[in-house]
């Protein structure tokens, strides 16, 4: 079952890196097209803040999913340790 945790961990890492890469591309694109007007600067700041919040939310969701998967794996491991004739199933 450790392969499952490794796969989940790998998936979380890849997803987090992907989200960070998208955020970086967005920030760089916004900076590259930046104009000197104050209104546009405010829009850029708002967009960067929005992207940052979305990345943080995604990372939080991925962390929670990983924690749930690890808990489920532990429950399954413990259930395998129970004797088959225990009358629980």
N, C-alpha and C. Protein backbone atom coordinates (compact mmCIF):
# COMPACT_ATOMS: atom_id res chain seq x y z
N UNK A 1 0.80 -1.20 0.00
CA UNK A 1 0.00 0.00 0.00
C UNK A 1 0.85 1.26 0.00
N UNK A 2 2.12 1.16 0.31
CA UNK A 2 2.97 2.35 0.30
C UNK A 2 3.11 2.91 -1.10
N UNK A 3 2.89 2.08 -2.10
CA UNK A 3 2.92 2.56 -3.49
C UNK A 3 1.78 3.55 -3.69
N UNK A 4 0.62 3.27 -3.08
CA UNK A 4 -0.52 4.18 -3.21
C UNK A 4 -0.20 5.53 -2.60
N UNK A 5 0.39 5.53 -1.42
CA UNK A 5 0.75 6.80 -0.78
C UNK A 5 1.78 7.53 -1.63
N UNK A 6 2.74 6.80 -2.17
CA UNK A 6 3.74 7.43 -3.02
C UNK A 6 3.09 8.03 -4.26
N UNK A 7 2.13 7.34 -4.83
CA UNK A 7 1.44 7.86 -6.01
C UNK A 7 0.65 9.11 -5.65
N UNK A 8 -0.02 9.09 -4.50
CA UNK A 8 -0.78 10.25 -4.05
C UNK A 8 0.16 11.41 -3.77
N UNK A 9 1.26 11.11 -3.09
CA UNK A 9 2.24 12.15 -2.78
C UNK A 9 2.79 12.76 -4.07
N UNK A 10 3.13 11.91 -5.02
CA UNK A 10 3.64 12.38 -6.30
C UNK A 10 2.60 13.25 -7.00
N UNK A 11 1.35 12.81 -6.96
CA UNK A 11 0.28 13.58 -7.59
C UNK A 11 0.13 14.95 -6.94
N UNK A 12 0.20 14.98 -5.63
CA UNK A 12 0.08 16.25 -4.90
C UNK A 12 1.23 17.17 -5.27
N UNK A 13 2.43 16.63 -5.31
CA UNK A 13 3.60 17.45 -5.63
C UNK A 13 3.50 17.98 -7.06
N UNK A 14 3.12 17.12 -7.99
CA UNK A 14 3.00 17.54 -9.40
C UNK A 14 1.91 18.60 -9.54
N UNK A 15 0.79 18.40 -8.86
CA UNK A 15 -0.30 19.37 -8.94
C UNK A 15 0.13 20.71 -8.34
N UNK A 16 0.82 20.66 -7.21
CA UNK A 16 1.28 21.90 -6.58
C UNK A 16 2.29 22.62 -7.47
N UNK A 17 3.20 21.86 -8.05
CA UNK A 17 4.18 22.49 -8.95
C UNK A 17 3.48 23.06 -10.18
N UNK A 18 2.49 22.36 -10.68
CA UNK A 18 1.74 22.86 -11.83
C UNK A 18 1.02 24.15 -11.50
N UNK A 19 0.38 24.19 -10.33
CA UNK A 19 -0.32 25.40 -9.90
C UNK A 19 0.66 26.56 -9.72
N UNK A 20 1.82 26.26 -9.13
CA UNK A 20 2.83 27.31 -8.95
C UNK A 20 3.34 27.80 -10.30
N UNK A 21 3.52 26.88 -11.24
CA UNK A 21 3.99 27.26 -12.58
C UNK A 21 2.96 28.16 -13.28
N UNK A 22 1.70 27.79 -13.15
CA UNK A 22 0.64 28.62 -13.76
C UNK A 22 0.63 30.00 -13.13
N UNK A 23 0.75 30.05 -11.81
CA UNK A 23 0.78 31.35 -11.12
C UNK A 23 1.96 32.18 -11.58
N UNK A 24 3.12 31.55 -11.73
CA UNK A 24 4.31 32.27 -12.20
C UNK A 24 4.11 32.81 -13.60
N UNK A 25 3.55 32.00 -14.49
CA UNK A 25 3.31 32.45 -15.86
C UNK A 25 2.34 33.62 -15.87
N UNK A 26 1.30 33.55 -15.06
CA UNK A 26 0.33 34.64 -15.00
C UNK A 26 0.99 35.92 -14.51
N UNK A 27 1.76 35.80 -13.45
CA UNK A 27 2.44 36.98 -12.90
C UNK A 27 3.41 37.57 -13.92
N UNK A 28 4.20 36.72 -14.57
CA UNK A 28 5.14 37.21 -15.57
C UNK A 28 4.43 37.86 -16.75
N UNK A 29 3.32 37.25 -17.18
CA UNK A 29 2.56 37.84 -18.29
C UNK A 29 1.99 39.20 -17.89
N UNK A 30 1.50 39.27 -16.67
CA UNK A 30 0.95 40.55 -16.20
C UNK A 30 2.03 41.61 -16.09
N UNK A 31 3.18 41.23 -15.60
CA UNK A 31 4.28 42.19 -15.48
C UNK A 31 4.79 42.62 -16.85
N UNK A 32 4.82 41.70 -17.78
CA UNK A 32 5.33 41.99 -19.11
C UNK A 32 4.43 42.99 -19.84
N UNK A 33 3.12 42.85 -19.64
CA UNK A 33 2.17 43.73 -20.33
C UNK A 33 1.80 44.96 -19.51
N UNK A 34 2.49 45.14 -18.44
CA UNK A 34 2.18 46.22 -17.49
C UNK A 34 2.32 47.61 -18.13
N UNK A 35 1.40 48.45 -17.79
CA UNK A 35 1.42 49.84 -18.23
C UNK A 35 1.64 50.72 -17.00
N UNK A 36 1.86 51.98 -17.23
CA UNK A 36 2.16 52.88 -16.13
C UNK A 36 0.93 53.42 -15.40
N UNK A 37 -0.25 53.16 -15.92
CA UNK A 37 -1.44 53.73 -15.28
C UNK A 37 -1.73 53.07 -13.93
N UNK A 38 -2.22 53.86 -13.02
CA UNK A 38 -2.52 53.38 -11.66
C UNK A 38 -3.64 52.35 -11.67
N UNK A 39 -4.65 52.55 -12.51
CA UNK A 39 -5.79 51.62 -12.57
C UNK A 39 -5.32 50.24 -13.01
N UNK A 40 -4.44 50.20 -13.99
CA UNK A 40 -3.94 48.91 -14.46
C UNK A 40 -3.08 48.26 -13.38
N UNK A 41 -2.29 49.03 -12.68
CA UNK A 41 -1.49 48.49 -11.58
C UNK A 41 -2.38 47.85 -10.53
N UNK A 42 -3.50 48.51 -10.24
CA UNK A 42 -4.44 47.96 -9.26
C UNK A 42 -5.06 46.66 -9.76
N UNK A 43 -5.38 46.59 -11.05
CA UNK A 43 -5.93 45.36 -11.62
C UNK A 43 -4.91 44.24 -11.57
N UNK A 44 -3.67 44.56 -11.86
CA UNK A 44 -2.60 43.56 -11.80
C UNK A 44 -2.44 43.05 -10.38
N UNK A 45 -2.42 43.95 -9.43
CA UNK A 45 -2.28 43.55 -8.02
C UNK A 45 -3.45 42.65 -7.61
N UNK A 46 -4.65 43.00 -8.04
CA UNK A 46 -5.82 42.19 -7.71
C UNK A 46 -5.74 40.81 -8.37
N UNK A 47 -5.28 40.77 -9.62
CA UNK A 47 -5.16 39.49 -10.32
C UNK A 47 -4.10 38.61 -9.66
N UNK A 48 -2.98 39.19 -9.29
CA UNK A 48 -1.92 38.43 -8.62
C UNK A 48 -2.43 37.91 -7.28
N UNK A 49 -3.14 38.73 -6.55
CA UNK A 49 -3.70 38.32 -5.26
C UNK A 49 -4.70 37.18 -5.46
N UNK A 50 -5.52 37.29 -6.48
CA UNK A 50 -6.51 36.25 -6.78
C UNK A 50 -5.82 34.93 -7.12
N UNK A 51 -4.80 35.00 -7.96
CA UNK A 51 -4.06 33.79 -8.32
C UNK A 51 -3.41 33.19 -7.09
N UNK A 52 -2.83 34.02 -6.25
CA UNK A 52 -2.20 33.54 -5.03
C UNK A 52 -3.20 32.83 -4.12
N UNK A 53 -4.38 33.43 -3.96
CA UNK A 53 -5.41 32.81 -3.13
C UNK A 53 -5.87 31.48 -3.71
N UNK A 54 -5.99 31.41 -5.02
CA UNK A 54 -6.42 30.16 -5.65
C UNK A 54 -5.37 29.06 -5.49
N UNK A 55 -4.11 29.43 -5.64
CA UNK A 55 -3.03 28.45 -5.46
C UNK A 55 -3.02 27.96 -4.01
N UNK A 56 -3.16 28.87 -3.06
CA UNK A 56 -3.19 28.47 -1.65
C UNK A 56 -4.38 27.56 -1.36
N UNK A 57 -5.54 27.87 -1.93
CA UNK A 57 -6.73 27.03 -1.72
C UNK A 57 -6.52 25.65 -2.33
N UNK A 58 -5.92 25.61 -3.52
CA UNK A 58 -5.65 24.34 -4.17
C UNK A 58 -4.68 23.50 -3.34
N UNK A 59 -3.63 24.13 -2.84
CA UNK A 59 -2.67 23.41 -2.01
C UNK A 59 -3.32 22.90 -0.73
N UNK A 60 -4.22 23.70 -0.16
CA UNK A 60 -4.94 23.27 1.05
C UNK A 60 -5.80 22.05 0.73
N UNK A 61 -6.52 22.09 -0.39
CA UNK A 61 -7.37 20.97 -0.79
C UNK A 61 -6.54 19.72 -1.05
N UNK A 62 -5.41 19.89 -1.71
CA UNK A 62 -4.54 18.75 -1.99
C UNK A 62 -3.96 18.17 -0.71
N UNK A 63 -3.59 19.01 0.22
CA UNK A 63 -3.08 18.53 1.50
C UNK A 63 -4.14 17.75 2.25
N UNK A 64 -5.37 18.25 2.24
CA UNK A 64 -6.47 17.56 2.91
C UNK A 64 -6.74 16.21 2.24
N UNK A 65 -6.69 16.17 0.92
CA UNK A 65 -6.91 14.91 0.20
C UNK A 65 -5.81 13.91 0.53
N UNK A 66 -4.59 14.38 0.60
CA UNK A 66 -3.49 13.49 0.96
C UNK A 66 -3.67 12.96 2.38
N UNK A 67 -4.06 13.81 3.30
CA UNK A 67 -4.27 13.37 4.68
C UNK A 67 -5.38 12.33 4.75
N UNK A 68 -6.48 12.55 4.02
CA UNK A 68 -7.57 11.57 4.00
C UNK A 68 -7.10 10.25 3.41
N UNK A 69 -6.32 10.29 2.35
CA UNK A 69 -5.82 9.07 1.73
C UNK A 69 -4.90 8.31 2.69
N UNK A 70 -4.06 9.03 3.40
CA UNK A 70 -3.16 8.38 4.35
C UNK A 70 -3.95 7.77 5.51
N UNK A 71 -4.99 8.46 5.98
CA UNK A 71 -5.83 7.91 7.04
C UNK A 71 -6.55 6.66 6.57
N UNK A 72 -7.08 6.69 5.35
CA UNK A 72 -7.77 5.53 4.80
C UNK A 72 -6.80 4.35 4.65
N UNK A 73 -5.61 4.64 4.23
CA UNK A 73 -4.60 3.59 4.09
C UNK A 73 -4.30 2.96 5.45
N UNK A 74 -4.20 3.78 6.49
CA UNK A 74 -3.93 3.26 7.83
C UNK A 74 -5.09 2.41 8.33
N UNK A 75 -6.33 2.84 8.07
CA UNK A 75 -7.49 2.05 8.47
C UNK A 75 -7.47 0.70 7.77
N UNK A 76 -7.20 0.71 6.48
CA UNK A 76 -7.14 -0.56 5.73
C UNK A 76 -6.03 -1.46 6.26
N UNK A 77 -4.89 -0.86 6.61
CA UNK A 77 -3.79 -1.66 7.14
C UNK A 77 -4.20 -2.29 8.47
N UNK A 78 -4.87 -1.53 9.31
CA UNK A 78 -5.32 -2.06 10.60
C UNK A 78 -6.39 -3.13 10.43
N UNK A 79 -7.29 -2.95 9.47
CA UNK A 79 -8.32 -3.95 9.22
C UNK A 79 -7.72 -5.27 8.73
N UNK A 80 -6.64 -5.19 7.97
CA UNK A 80 -5.97 -6.41 7.50
C UNK A 80 -5.36 -7.18 8.67
N UNK A 81 -5.02 -6.48 9.73
CA UNK A 81 -4.41 -7.13 10.90
C UNK A 81 -5.43 -7.87 11.75
N UNK A 82 -6.72 -7.53 11.60
CA UNK A 82 -7.76 -8.21 12.38
C UNK A 82 -7.88 -9.65 11.93
N UNK A 83 -8.12 -10.57 12.89
CA UNK A 83 -8.32 -11.98 12.50
C UNK A 83 -9.61 -12.11 11.68
N UNK A 84 -9.60 -13.01 10.72
CA UNK A 84 -10.77 -13.18 9.84
C UNK A 84 -11.98 -13.70 10.58
N UNK A 85 -11.81 -14.41 11.65
CA UNK A 85 -12.93 -14.99 12.40
C UNK A 85 -13.37 -14.12 13.54
N UNK A 86 -13.14 -12.81 13.48
CA UNK A 86 -13.47 -11.94 14.61
C UNK A 86 -14.95 -11.64 14.74
N UNK A 87 -15.76 -11.98 13.71
CA UNK A 87 -17.19 -11.71 13.76
C UNK A 87 -17.54 -10.27 13.41
N UNK A 88 -16.57 -9.50 12.95
CA UNK A 88 -16.84 -8.11 12.58
C UNK A 88 -17.28 -7.96 11.14
N UNK A 89 -17.17 -8.92 10.35
CA UNK A 89 -17.49 -8.73 8.95
C UNK A 89 -18.24 -9.82 8.43
